[in-house]
Protein backbone atom coordinates (compact mmCIF):
# COMPACT_ATOMS: atom_id res chain seq x y z
CA MET A 1 78.49 68.84 165.56
CA GLY A 2 81.27 70.80 167.26
CA ASP A 3 84.56 72.23 166.06
CA ILE A 4 88.06 70.83 166.39
CA ARG A 5 91.21 72.95 166.61
CA ILE A 6 94.08 71.87 164.35
CA LEU A 7 97.62 72.31 165.71
CA ARG A 8 100.58 71.89 163.39
CA ALA A 9 103.60 71.05 165.52
CA GLY A 10 106.33 70.24 162.99
CA MET A 11 109.19 68.08 164.30
CA VAL A 12 108.93 67.45 168.07
CA GLU A 13 110.55 64.85 170.34
CA HIS A 14 108.08 62.13 171.28
CA THR A 15 108.73 62.58 175.01
CA VAL A 16 107.90 66.29 174.76
CA MET A 17 104.66 65.63 172.90
CA ALA A 18 103.70 62.81 175.27
CA GLU A 19 103.75 65.24 178.20
CA GLU A 20 101.93 67.88 176.17
CA MET A 21 99.18 65.39 175.31
CA LYS A 22 98.67 64.61 179.00
CA ARG A 23 98.38 68.31 179.77
CA LEU A 24 95.92 68.97 176.96
CA GLN A 25 93.91 65.87 177.86
CA GLN A 26 93.40 67.19 181.38
CA LEU A 27 92.44 70.62 180.06
CA ARG A 28 89.90 68.98 177.74
CA ILE A 29 88.45 66.96 180.62
CA GLU A 30 87.96 70.25 182.46
CA ASP A 31 86.41 71.87 179.34
CA LYS A 32 89.13 74.53 179.33
CA ILE A 33 90.00 73.82 175.69
CA PRO A 34 87.97 72.52 172.73
CA ASP A 35 88.55 69.23 170.95
CA THR A 36 92.05 69.43 169.50
CA LEU A 37 93.98 67.59 166.79
CA ILE A 38 97.78 67.70 166.86
CA LEU A 39 99.66 66.94 163.62
CA VAL A 40 103.32 66.20 164.30
CA GLU A 41 106.48 64.47 163.09
CA HIS A 42 108.94 62.87 165.53
CA PRO A 43 112.68 62.17 165.42
CA GLU A 44 113.26 58.42 165.25
CA VAL A 45 112.05 56.44 168.25
CA VAL A 46 110.26 53.15 168.84
CA THR A 47 107.50 53.42 171.42
CA VAL A 48 107.02 50.34 173.57
CA GLY A 49 103.47 49.78 174.78
CA PRO A 50 102.18 47.74 177.75
CA LYS A 51 101.66 44.56 175.69
CA ALA A 52 105.26 44.62 174.46
CA ILE A 53 106.53 45.28 177.99
CA ARG A 54 104.50 42.33 179.36
CA ASP A 55 105.78 40.10 176.55
CA GLY A 56 109.39 41.10 177.23
CA VAL A 57 109.93 42.39 173.69
CA VAL A 58 113.50 43.59 173.10
CA VAL A 59 114.06 46.25 170.42
CA GLU A 60 117.63 46.36 169.14
CA GLY A 61 119.21 49.05 167.00
CA TYR A 62 116.57 51.75 167.64
CA PRO A 63 116.08 54.37 170.36
CA THR A 64 113.09 53.38 172.51
CA VAL A 65 110.70 54.91 175.01
CA ASN A 66 107.91 53.30 177.02
CA THR A 67 104.38 54.54 176.38
CA ASP A 68 100.96 54.05 177.98
CA ARG A 69 98.93 53.78 174.77
CA GLY A 70 97.42 50.46 173.79
CA GLY A 71 99.35 47.98 171.69
CA GLY A 72 102.90 46.76 171.31
CA ILE A 73 105.76 48.53 169.53
CA THR A 74 105.46 51.32 166.97
CA TRP A 75 108.14 53.09 164.93
CA HIS A 76 108.04 56.88 164.76
CA GLY A 77 110.40 59.04 162.78
CA PRO A 78 111.00 61.41 159.86
CA GLY A 79 108.60 61.00 156.97
CA GLN A 80 105.79 59.75 159.18
CA LEU A 81 102.81 61.97 159.97
CA VAL A 82 101.25 61.45 163.40
CA ALA A 83 97.73 62.65 164.28
CA TYR A 84 96.88 62.94 167.98
CA PRO A 85 93.15 63.57 168.64
CA ILE A 86 92.56 65.12 172.07
CA ILE A 87 88.80 64.62 171.84
CA LYS A 88 86.06 64.41 174.44
CA TRP A 89 83.87 61.67 173.00
CA GLY A 90 80.13 62.04 173.54
CA VAL A 91 77.96 59.49 175.32
CA ASP A 92 76.77 58.08 172.00
CA GLU A 93 80.41 57.73 170.81
CA GLN A 94 81.88 55.95 173.84
CA ASN A 95 82.99 52.66 172.33
CA ILE A 96 86.74 52.10 172.06
CA ARG A 97 86.55 49.65 169.16
CA ALA A 98 84.23 52.00 167.28
CA ILE A 99 86.56 54.97 167.86
CA ILE A 100 89.51 52.96 166.54
CA GLY A 101 87.34 52.05 163.54
CA ARG A 102 86.66 55.73 162.91
CA LEU A 103 90.41 56.44 162.84
CA GLU A 104 90.95 53.52 160.46
CA ASP A 105 88.19 54.85 158.18
CA TRP A 106 89.72 58.32 158.40
CA ALA A 107 93.11 57.06 157.19
CA ILE A 108 91.46 55.05 154.41
CA ASP A 109 89.40 58.05 153.23
CA ALA A 110 92.43 60.35 153.33
CA LEU A 111 94.49 57.91 151.28
CA ALA A 112 91.63 57.60 148.79
CA GLU A 113 91.91 61.36 148.22
CA LEU A 114 95.48 60.64 147.10
CA GLY A 115 94.37 57.93 144.69
CA ILE A 116 95.50 55.12 147.01
CA SER A 117 93.24 52.17 147.80
CA ALA A 118 93.66 51.30 151.49
CA TYR A 119 91.72 48.82 153.60
CA LYS A 120 91.41 47.18 157.02
CA ASP A 121 92.87 43.79 157.91
CA SER A 122 91.54 41.60 160.71
CA THR A 123 95.06 40.56 161.74
CA MET A 124 96.05 43.97 163.09
CA GLN A 125 94.25 47.29 163.50
CA GLY A 126 95.30 50.13 161.24
CA ALA A 127 95.21 50.71 157.49
CA TRP A 128 96.86 48.58 154.82
CA VAL A 129 97.95 49.17 151.22
CA ASP A 130 98.99 46.46 148.74
CA GLY A 131 99.42 43.90 151.52
CA TYR A 132 101.53 46.15 153.77
CA LYS A 133 100.67 48.10 156.89
CA ILE A 134 100.93 51.85 156.34
CA CYS A 135 98.98 53.21 159.32
CA SER A 136 99.16 52.29 163.01
CA ILE A 137 96.69 53.25 165.73
CA GLY A 138 97.04 53.27 169.52
CA LEU A 139 94.93 55.21 172.00
CA SER A 140 94.64 55.95 175.70
CA PHE A 141 91.52 57.33 177.39
CA LEU A 142 90.78 59.20 180.61
CA ASN A 143 87.17 60.18 181.31
CA TRP A 144 86.51 59.43 177.62
CA VAL A 145 89.02 62.01 176.43
CA SER A 146 91.45 60.36 174.00
CA ARG A 147 95.22 60.71 173.88
CA HIS A 148 97.82 59.27 171.49
CA GLY A 149 96.40 58.42 168.06
CA MET A 150 97.37 57.45 164.52
CA SER A 151 100.56 57.40 162.46
CA ILE A 152 100.85 57.19 158.66
CA ASN A 153 104.14 56.25 156.99
CA VAL A 154 104.55 58.56 154.00
CA CYS A 155 108.23 58.84 153.02
CA THR A 156 110.24 57.21 155.82
CA PRO A 157 114.04 56.85 155.52
CA GLY A 158 115.78 53.78 154.15
CA THR A 159 114.33 50.55 155.53
CA ARG A 160 114.05 51.67 159.16
CA VAL A 161 110.33 50.84 159.30
CA GLU A 162 110.67 47.62 157.29
CA ASP A 163 113.53 46.23 159.42
CA LEU A 164 111.67 46.55 162.74
CA GLU A 165 110.24 43.34 164.16
CA GLY A 166 108.87 42.13 167.48
CA CYS A 167 105.60 41.87 169.39
CA GLY A 168 104.12 39.47 166.83
CA MET A 169 105.36 41.52 163.86
CA THR A 170 107.51 40.07 161.12
CA ALA A 171 110.04 42.44 159.60
CA GLY A 172 108.71 43.90 156.36
CA ILE A 173 105.01 44.01 157.30
CA HIS A 174 105.18 47.75 157.90
CA THR A 175 106.32 50.08 155.14
CA SER A 176 105.72 53.54 153.70
CA LEU A 177 103.90 54.92 150.68
CA SER A 178 107.18 55.94 149.05
CA GLN A 179 108.58 52.41 149.36
CA LEU A 180 105.46 51.14 147.56
CA GLY A 181 106.04 53.62 144.75
CA TYR A 182 103.40 56.18 145.71
CA GLU A 183 105.35 59.41 145.29
CA THR A 184 102.77 61.72 143.68
CA ASP A 185 98.98 62.05 143.86
CA PRO A 186 96.70 61.85 140.77
CA GLN A 187 97.27 65.60 140.19
CA GLY A 188 101.03 65.09 140.15
CA ARG A 189 101.59 66.72 143.55
CA GLU A 190 104.35 65.36 145.76
CA MET A 191 103.15 62.78 148.28
CA GLY A 192 104.78 64.48 151.26
CA LEU A 193 103.69 65.18 154.82
CA ASP A 194 102.17 68.54 153.85
CA ARG A 195 99.89 66.83 151.34
CA MET A 196 98.96 64.13 153.84
CA GLU A 197 98.07 66.83 156.38
CA GLU A 198 95.79 68.46 153.81
CA VAL A 199 93.79 65.32 153.07
CA LEU A 200 93.51 64.38 156.76
CA ILE A 201 92.03 67.81 157.46
CA GLU A 202 89.74 67.55 154.42
CA THR A 203 88.34 64.19 155.61
CA CYS A 204 88.30 65.03 159.33
CA GLU A 205 84.69 66.18 159.57
CA LYS A 206 83.30 63.09 157.86
CA ASN A 207 85.17 60.66 160.09
CA LEU A 208 85.61 62.41 163.44
CA GLY A 209 82.28 64.25 163.38
CA ARG A 210 83.91 67.60 164.13
CA VAL A 211 84.45 70.61 161.88
CA PRO A 212 88.16 71.49 161.52
CA LEU A 213 89.09 75.10 162.20
CA GLU A 214 91.90 76.97 160.45
CA PRO A 215 95.20 75.26 161.38
CA MET A 216 97.38 76.94 164.00
CA GLU A 217 101.07 76.54 164.79
CA TRP A 218 101.63 74.64 168.04
CA THR A 219 103.90 76.08 170.73
CA PRO A 220 104.71 74.35 174.03
CA GLY A 221 102.28 75.17 176.82
CA MET A 222 99.72 76.88 174.60
CA LEU A 223 96.00 76.66 175.30
CA ALA A 224 94.67 75.05 172.13
């Protein structure tokens, strides 16, 4: 079992991080960096994947950007924690559906640490709570090194997530933990992005099969 570097990026534009992920993916392919996990928050944007582009999905009332990860449309914005695993998957791990399943299990285990019962739903990949989708997953691979990843809606603003529809989604399917009334964990700690980061790191080894190192602050162009 190897290590995985943890990079805390704070608030970063999606377009900036998309280019950074491509750079780090190539460095990982060349074994110039170790497996790396980026934890980041984005200003509001809806990413439009290949399926949504093919289907001619139109997103109104939100800033958008095209993306090359799998899937349709995904909201990103304040109050959502995004985890991008830049991982070189071993020969015995090279199954896309199984890797997605590991990310789903990771989200479910992390939420369990917060006293929240989450589960999978056959209608759409991700993690669900109380009948609503809380976590979305979309990946891209090159030489079995992953890019893009998983987002968890913790305390998103207003009804920006709930009002988004398109690409087979009905408005209101997606929501956040705060909208469902989950504002503190069983110990009374605030259910914010910092707490979600903690439980993702705590459950990383079990689900990703890599030992997390001490988190580092991300800076553009760094060698993770």
